[in-house]
PDB file of N, CA and C in Angstrom:
ATOM      1  N   GLU A   1      -5.360 -20.219   2.899  1.00  0.00           N
ATOM      2  CA  GLU A   1      -6.734 -19.820   2.628  1.00  0.00           C
ATOM      3  C   GLU A   1      -6.744 -18.383   2.109  1.00  0.00           C
ATOM      4  N   PRO A   2      -7.500 -18.130   1.054  1.00  0.00           N
ATOM      5  CA  PRO A   2      -7.542 -16.766   0.509  1.00  0.00           C
ATOM      6  C   PRO A   2      -8.237 -15.803   1.461  1.00  0.00           C
ATOM      7  N   PRO A   3      -7.943 -14.522   1.315  1.00  0.00           N
ATOM      8  CA  PRO A   3      -8.596 -13.539   2.189  1.00  0.00           C
ATOM      9  C   PRO A   3     -10.095 -13.456   1.899  1.00  0.00           C
ATOM     10  N   ALA A   4     -10.820 -13.010   2.895  1.00  0.00           N
ATOM     11  CA  ALA A   4     -12.255 -12.761   2.747  1.00  0.00           C
ATOM     12  C   ALA A   4     -12.462 -11.264   2.867  1.00  0.00           C
ATOM     13  N   TYR A   5     -13.540 -10.782   2.302  1.00  0.00           N
ATOM     14  CA  TYR A   5     -13.849  -9.358   2.360  1.00  0.00           C
ATOM     15  C   TYR A   5     -15.236  -9.183   2.943  1.00  0.00           C
ATOM     16  N   LYS A   6     -15.368  -8.143   3.774  1.00  0.00           N
ATOM     17  CA  LYS A   6     -16.644  -7.884   4.415  1.00  0.00           C
ATOM     18  C   LYS A   6     -16.976  -6.405   4.257  1.00  0.00           C
ATOM     19  N   LEU A   7     -18.172  -6.136   3.764  1.00  0.00           N
ATOM     20  CA  LEU A   7     -18.645  -4.766   3.661  1.00  0.00           C
ATOM     21  C   LEU A   7     -19.032  -4.300   5.053  1.00  0.00           C
ATOM     22  N   VAL A   8     -18.448  -3.197   5.513  1.00  0.00           N
ATOM     23  CA  VAL A   8     -18.707  -2.729   6.877  1.00  0.00           C
ATOM     24  C   VAL A   8     -19.447  -1.404   6.921  1.00  0.00           C
ATOM     25  N   GLY A   9     -19.679  -0.792   5.763  1.00  0.00           N
ATOM     26  CA  GLY A   9     -20.423   0.457   5.780  1.00  0.00           C
ATOM     27  C   GLY A   9     -20.624   1.031   4.402  1.00  0.00           C
ATOM     28  N   SER A  10     -21.580   1.927   4.327  1.00  0.00           N
ATOM     29  CA  SER A  10     -21.808   2.694   3.110  1.00  0.00           C
ATOM     30  C   SER A  10     -22.373   4.043   3.526  1.00  0.00           C
ATOM     31  N   SER A  11     -22.074   5.044   2.732  1.00  0.00           N
ATOM     32  CA  SER A  11     -22.542   6.386   3.041  1.00  0.00           C
ATOM     33  C   SER A  11     -22.729   7.155   1.747  1.00  0.00           C
ATOM     34  N   GLY A  12     -23.297   8.323   1.863  1.00  0.00           N
ATOM     35  CA  GLY A  12     -23.491   9.178   0.708  1.00  0.00           C
ATOM     36  C   GLY A  12     -24.839   8.964   0.058  1.00  0.00           C
ATOM     37  N   PRO A  13     -25.153   9.803  -0.904  1.00  0.00           N
ATOM     38  CA  PRO A  13     -26.431   9.696  -1.600  1.00  0.00           C
ATOM     39  C   PRO A  13     -26.476   8.461  -2.503  1.00  0.00           C
ATOM     40  N   ALA A  14     -27.683   8.031  -2.842  1.00  0.00           N
ATOM     41  CA  ALA A  14     -27.864   6.823  -3.651  1.00  0.00           C
ATOM     42  C   ALA A  14     -27.168   6.918  -5.004  1.00  0.00           C
ATOM     43  N   HIS A  15     -27.077   8.102  -5.571  1.00  0.00           N
ATOM     44  CA  HIS A  15     -26.455   8.247  -6.887  1.00  0.00           C
ATOM     45  C   HIS A  15     -24.928   8.353  -6.814  1.00  0.00           C
ATOM     46  N   GLU A  16     -24.378   8.470  -5.610  1.00  0.00           N
ATOM     47  CA  GLU A  16     -22.929   8.582  -5.450  1.00  0.00           C
ATOM     48  C   GLU A  16     -22.488   7.983  -4.104  1.00  0.00           C
ATOM     49  N   PRO A  17     -22.693   6.660  -3.921  1.00  0.00           N
ATOM     50  CA  PRO A  17     -22.358   6.051  -2.630  1.00  0.00           C
ATOM     51  C   PRO A  17     -20.855   5.853  -2.444  1.00  0.00           C
ATOM     52  N   THR A  18     -20.458   5.720  -1.196  1.00  0.00           N
ATOM     53  CA  THR A  18     -19.103   5.335  -0.833  1.00  0.00           C
ATOM     54  C   THR A  18     -19.220   4.100   0.045  1.00  0.00           C
ATOM     55  N   PHE A  19     -18.556   3.025  -0.362  1.00  0.00           N
ATOM     56  CA  PHE A  19     -18.581   1.770   0.375  1.00  0.00           C
ATOM     57  C   PHE A  19     -17.270   1.596   1.132  1.00  0.00           C
ATOM     58  N   THR A  20     -17.338   0.947   2.293  1.00  0.00           N
ATOM     59  CA  THR A  20     -16.156   0.640   3.088  1.00  0.00           C
ATOM     60  C   THR A  20     -16.132  -0.862   3.333  1.00  0.00           C
ATOM     61  N   ALA A  21     -14.973  -1.472   3.089  1.00  0.00           N
ATOM     62  CA  ALA A  21     -14.804  -2.913   3.265  1.00  0.00           C
ATOM     63  C   ALA A  21     -13.540  -3.195   4.063  1.00  0.00           C
ATOM     64  N   VAL A  22     -13.499  -4.375   4.678  1.00  0.00           N
ATOM     65  CA  VAL A  22     -12.295  -4.833   5.362  1.00  0.00           C
ATOM     66  C   VAL A  22     -11.836  -6.142   4.728  1.00  0.00           C
ATOM     67  N   ALA A  23     -10.533  -6.371   4.745  1.00  0.00           N
ATOM     68  CA  ALA A  23      -9.938  -7.621   4.293  1.00  0.00           C
ATOM     69  C   ALA A  23      -9.640  -8.453   5.534  1.00  0.00           C
ATOM     70  N   LEU A  24     -10.077  -9.709   5.508  1.00  0.00           N
ATOM     71  CA  LEU A  24      -9.876 -10.612   6.639  1.00  0.00           C
ATOM     72  C   LEU A  24      -8.985 -11.776   6.208  1.00  0.00           C
ATOM     73  N   VAL A  25      -7.938 -12.019   6.976  1.00  0.00           N
ATOM     74  CA  VAL A  25      -7.055 -13.165   6.745  1.00  0.00           C
ATOM     75  C   VAL A  25      -7.142 -14.024   7.989  1.00  0.00           C
ATOM     76  N   ASP A  26      -7.597 -15.257   7.824  1.00  0.00           N
ATOM     77  CA  ASP A  26      -7.834 -16.170   8.951  1.00  0.00           C
ATOM     78  C   ASP A  26      -8.739 -15.515   9.998  1.00  0.00           C
ATOM     79  N   GLY A  27      -9.723 -14.745   9.530  1.00  0.00           N
ATOM     80  CA  GLY A  27     -10.692 -14.112  10.422  1.00  0.00           C
ATOM     81  C   GLY A  27     -10.201 -12.854  11.109  1.00  0.00           C
ATOM     82  N   ILE A  28      -8.969 -12.436  10.811  1.00  0.00           N
ATOM     83  CA  ILE A  28      -8.385 -11.247  11.446  1.00  0.00           C
ATOM     84  C   ILE A  28      -8.373 -10.108  10.431  1.00  0.00           C
ATOM     85  N   ARG A  29      -8.863  -8.943  10.847  1.00  0.00           N
ATOM     86  CA  ARG A  29      -8.885  -7.785   9.959  1.00  0.00           C
ATOM     87  C   ARG A  29      -7.463  -7.310   9.695  1.00  0.00           C
ATOM     88  N   CYS A  30      -7.093  -7.304   8.424  1.00  0.00           N
ATOM     89  CA  CYS A  30      -5.734  -6.915   8.035  1.00  0.00           C
ATOM     90  C   CYS A  30      -5.692  -5.654   7.193  1.00  0.00           C
ATOM     91  N   GLY A  31      -6.832  -5.222   6.673  1.00  0.00           N
ATOM     92  CA  GLY A  31      -6.849  -4.039   5.832  1.00  0.00           C
ATOM     93  C   GLY A  31      -8.241  -3.438   5.762  1.00  0.00           C
ATOM     94  N   ARG A  32      -8.288  -2.156   5.413  1.00  0.00           N
ATOM     95  CA  ARG A  32      -9.558  -1.438   5.298  1.00  0.00           C
ATOM     96  C   ARG A  32      -9.461  -0.516   4.094  1.00  0.00           C
ATOM     97  N   GLY A  33     -10.565  -0.409   3.338  1.00  0.00           N
ATOM     98  CA  GLY A  33     -10.554   0.470   2.172  1.00  0.00           C
ATOM     99  C   GLY A  33     -11.935   0.951   1.815  1.00  0.00           C
ATOM    100  N   SER A  34     -11.976   2.031   1.055  1.00  0.00           N
ATOM    101  CA  SER A  34     -13.235   2.623   0.610  1.00  0.00           C
ATOM    102  C   SER A  34     -13.199   2.830  -0.887  1.00  0.00           C
ATOM    103  N   GLY A  35     -14.400   2.879  -1.491  1.00  0.00           N
ATOM    104  CA  GLY A  35     -14.490   3.130  -2.919  1.00  0.00           C
ATOM    105  C   GLY A  35     -15.920   3.391  -3.333  1.00  0.00           C
ATOM    106  N   SER A  36     -16.095   3.747  -4.595  1.00  0.00           N
ATOM    107  CA  SER A  36     -17.416   4.077  -5.097  1.00  0.00           C
ATOM    108  C   SER A  36     -18.223   2.844  -5.487  1.00  0.00           C
ATOM    109  N   SER A  37     -17.612   1.663  -5.407  1.00  0.00           N
ATOM    110  CA  SER A  37     -18.326   0.400  -5.610  1.00  0.00           C
ATOM    111  C   SER A  37     -17.826  -0.592  -4.564  1.00  0.00           C
ATOM    112  N   LYS A  38     -18.572  -1.665  -4.369  1.00  0.00           N
ATOM    113  CA  LYS A  38     -18.141  -2.684  -3.405  1.00  0.00           C
ATOM    114  C   LYS A  38     -16.813  -3.292  -3.852  1.00  0.00           C
ATOM    115  N   LYS A  39     -16.688  -3.551  -5.136  1.00  0.00           N
ATOM    116  CA  LYS A  39     -15.459  -4.145  -5.677  1.00  0.00           C
ATOM    117  C   LYS A  39     -14.257  -3.213  -5.469  1.00  0.00           C
ATOM    118  N   GLU A  40     -14.459  -1.910  -5.684  1.00  0.00           N
ATOM    119  CA  GLU A  40     -13.385  -0.940  -5.482  1.00  0.00           C
ATOM    120  C   GLU A  40     -12.984  -0.868  -4.004  1.00  0.00           C
ATOM    121  N   ALA A  41     -13.961  -0.938  -3.110  1.00  0.00           N
ATOM    122  CA  ALA A  41     -13.674  -0.921  -1.673  1.00  0.00           C
ATOM    123  C   ALA A  41     -12.884  -2.162  -1.268  1.00  0.00           C
ATOM    124  N   GLU A  42     -13.249  -3.326  -1.819  1.00  0.00           N
ATOM    125  CA  GLU A  42     -12.534  -4.564  -1.511  1.00  0.00           C
ATOM    126  C   GLU A  42     -11.098  -4.502  -2.028  1.00  0.00           C
ATOM    127  N   ALA A  43     -10.910  -3.946  -3.229  1.00  0.00           N
ATOM    128  CA  ALA A  43      -9.565  -3.822  -3.787  1.00  0.00           C
ATOM    129  C   ALA A  43      -8.712  -2.888  -2.930  1.00  0.00           C
ATOM    130  N   ALA A  44      -9.302  -1.802  -2.450  1.00  0.00           N
ATOM    131  CA  ALA A  44      -8.572  -0.874  -1.585  1.00  0.00           C
ATOM    132  C   ALA A  44      -8.215  -1.540  -0.260  1.00  0.00           C
ATOM    133  N   ALA A  45      -9.117  -2.371   0.262  1.00  0.00           N
ATOM    134  CA  ALA A  45      -8.845  -3.097   1.506  1.00  0.00           C
ATOM    135  C   ALA A  45      -7.714  -4.103   1.295  1.00  0.00           C
ATOM    136  N   ALA A  46      -7.705  -4.765   0.146  1.00  0.00           N
ATOM    137  CA  ALA A  46      -6.642  -5.725  -0.165  1.00  0.00           C
ATOM    138  C   ALA A  46      -5.291  -5.026  -0.260  1.00  0.00           C
ATOM    139  N   LEU A  47      -5.261  -3.882  -0.928  1.00  0.00           N
ATOM    140  CA  LEU A  47      -4.011  -3.129  -1.054  1.00  0.00           C
ATOM    141  C   LEU A  47      -3.526  -2.646   0.309  1.00  0.00           C
ATOM    142  N   ASP A  48      -4.449  -2.209   1.161  1.00  0.00           N
ATOM    143  CA  ASP A  48      -4.081  -1.788   2.511  1.00  0.00           C
ATOM    144  C   ASP A  48      -3.506  -2.964   3.304  1.00  0.00           C
ATOM    145  N   ALA A  49      -4.115  -4.133   3.162  1.00  0.00           N
ATOM    146  CA  ALA A  49      -3.611  -5.321   3.861  1.00  0.00           C
ATOM    147  C   ALA A  49      -2.206  -5.674   3.384  1.00  0.00           C
ATOM    148  N   LEU A  50      -1.989  -5.637   2.061  1.00  0.00           N
ATOM    149  CA  LEU A  50      -0.654  -5.938   1.525  1.00  0.00           C
ATOM    150  C   LEU A  50       0.375  -4.940   2.026  1.00  0.00           C
ATOM    151  N   GLU A  51      -0.020  -3.670   2.101  1.00  0.00           N
ATOM    152  CA  GLU A  51       0.888  -2.629   2.607  1.00  0.00           C
ATOM    153  C   GLU A  51       1.257  -2.915   4.064  1.00  0.00           C
ATOM    154  N   ARG A  52       0.257  -3.236   4.864  1.00  0.00           N
ATOM    155  CA  ARG A  52       0.496  -3.498   6.292  1.00  0.00           C
ATOM    156  C   ARG A  52       1.372  -4.731   6.513  1.00  0.00           C
ATOM    157  N   MET A  53       1.280  -5.708   5.589  1.00  0.00           N
ATOM    158  CA  MET A  53       2.064  -6.934   5.723  1.00  0.00           C
ATOM    159  C   MET A  53       3.442  -6.814   5.082  1.00  0.00           C
ATOM    160  N   GLY A  54       3.739  -5.650   4.489  1.00  0.00           N
ATOM    161  CA  GLY A  54       5.064  -5.426   3.924  1.00  0.00           C
ATOM    162  C   GLY A  54       5.257  -5.894   2.502  1.00  0.00           C
ATOM    163  N   TYR A  55       4.173  -6.184   1.781  1.00  0.00           N
ATOM    164  CA  TYR A  55       4.281  -6.644   0.408  1.00  0.00           C
ATOM    165  C   TYR A  55       4.205  -5.509  -0.603  1.00  0.00           C
ATOM    166  N   THR A  56       3.805  -4.308  -0.165  1.00  0.00           N
ATOM    167  CA  THR A  56       3.761  -3.157  -1.063  1.00  0.00           C
ATOM    168  C   THR A  56       4.303  -1.938  -0.323  1.00  0.00           C
ATOM    169  N   HIS A  57       4.640  -0.938  -1.109  1.00  0.00           N
ATOM    170  CA  HIS A  57       5.039   0.345  -0.544  1.00  0.00           C
ATOM    171  C   HIS A  57       4.480   1.420  -1.463  1.00  0.00           C
ATOM    172  N   ASN A  58       3.622   2.265  -0.927  1.00  0.00           N
ATOM    173  CA  ASN A  58       2.954   3.305  -1.723  1.00  0.00           C
ATOM    174  C   ASN A  58       2.253   2.733  -2.948  1.00  0.00           C
ATOM    175  N   GLY A  59       1.630   1.568  -2.775  1.00  0.00           N
ATOM    176  CA  GLY A  59       0.874   0.947  -3.861  1.00  0.00           C
ATOM    177  C   GLY A  59       1.686   0.133  -4.841  1.00  0.00           C
ATOM    178  N   VAL A  60       2.998   0.064  -4.664  1.00  0.00           N
ATOM    179  CA  VAL A  60       3.873  -0.705  -5.563  1.00  0.00           C
ATOM    180  C   VAL A  60       4.173  -2.033  -4.916  1.00  0.00           C
ATOM    181  N   ILE A  61       3.890  -3.140  -5.635  1.00  0.00           N
ATOM    182  CA  ILE A  61       4.143  -4.477  -5.091  1.00  0.00           C
ATOM    183  C   ILE A  61       5.639  -4.736  -5.071  1.00  0.00           C
ATOM    184  N   LEU A  62       6.132  -5.139  -3.913  1.00  0.00           N
ATOM    185  CA  LEU A  62       7.550  -5.406  -3.725  1.00  0.00           C
ATOM    186  C   LEU A  62       7.842  -6.895  -3.897  1.00  0.00           C
ATOM    187  N   GLN A  63       9.055  -7.195  -4.287  1.00  0.00           N
ATOM    188  CA  GLN A  63       9.490  -8.583  -4.292  1.00  0.00           C
ATOM    189  C   GLN A  63      10.021  -8.883  -2.916  1.00  0.00           C
ATOM    190  N   ARG A  64       9.504  -9.902  -2.303  1.00  0.00           N
ATOM    191  CA  ARG A  64       9.887 -10.218  -0.937  1.00  0.00           C
ATOM    192  C   ARG A  64      10.540 -11.600  -0.903  1.00  0.00           C
ATOM    193  N   LYS A  65      11.702 -11.680  -0.302  1.00  0.00           N
ATOM    194  CA  LYS A  65      12.396 -12.946  -0.184  1.00  0.00           C
ATOM    195  C   LYS A  65      11.729 -13.800   0.864  1.00  0.00           C
ATOM    196  N   LEU A  66      11.538 -15.056   0.549  1.00  0.00           N
ATOM    197  CA  LEU A  66      10.954 -16.000   1.505  1.00  0.00           C
ATOM    198  C   LEU A  66      12.076 -16.765   2.189  1.00  0.00           C
ATOM    199  N   GLY A  67      11.830 -17.098   3.442  1.00  0.00           N
ATOM    200  CA  GLY A  67      12.774 -17.949   4.140  1.00  0.00           C
ATOM    201  C   GLY A  67      13.656 -17.182   4.974  1.00  0.00           C
TER     202      GLY A  67
END
């Protein structure tokens, strides 16, 4: 099942908001990110989740052996 994203907060003035989102895998929070748009916050949360799961390092996607 693909990850889901949930907006968990926003702050800042209306002309320059900051959104915060979490990435959920099987209902479990795996990543958190912020950005100037909802889409940017979701992308940051996805990258954080991949980093935590060992698929990236410093934003670079790694090749991971399966099995």
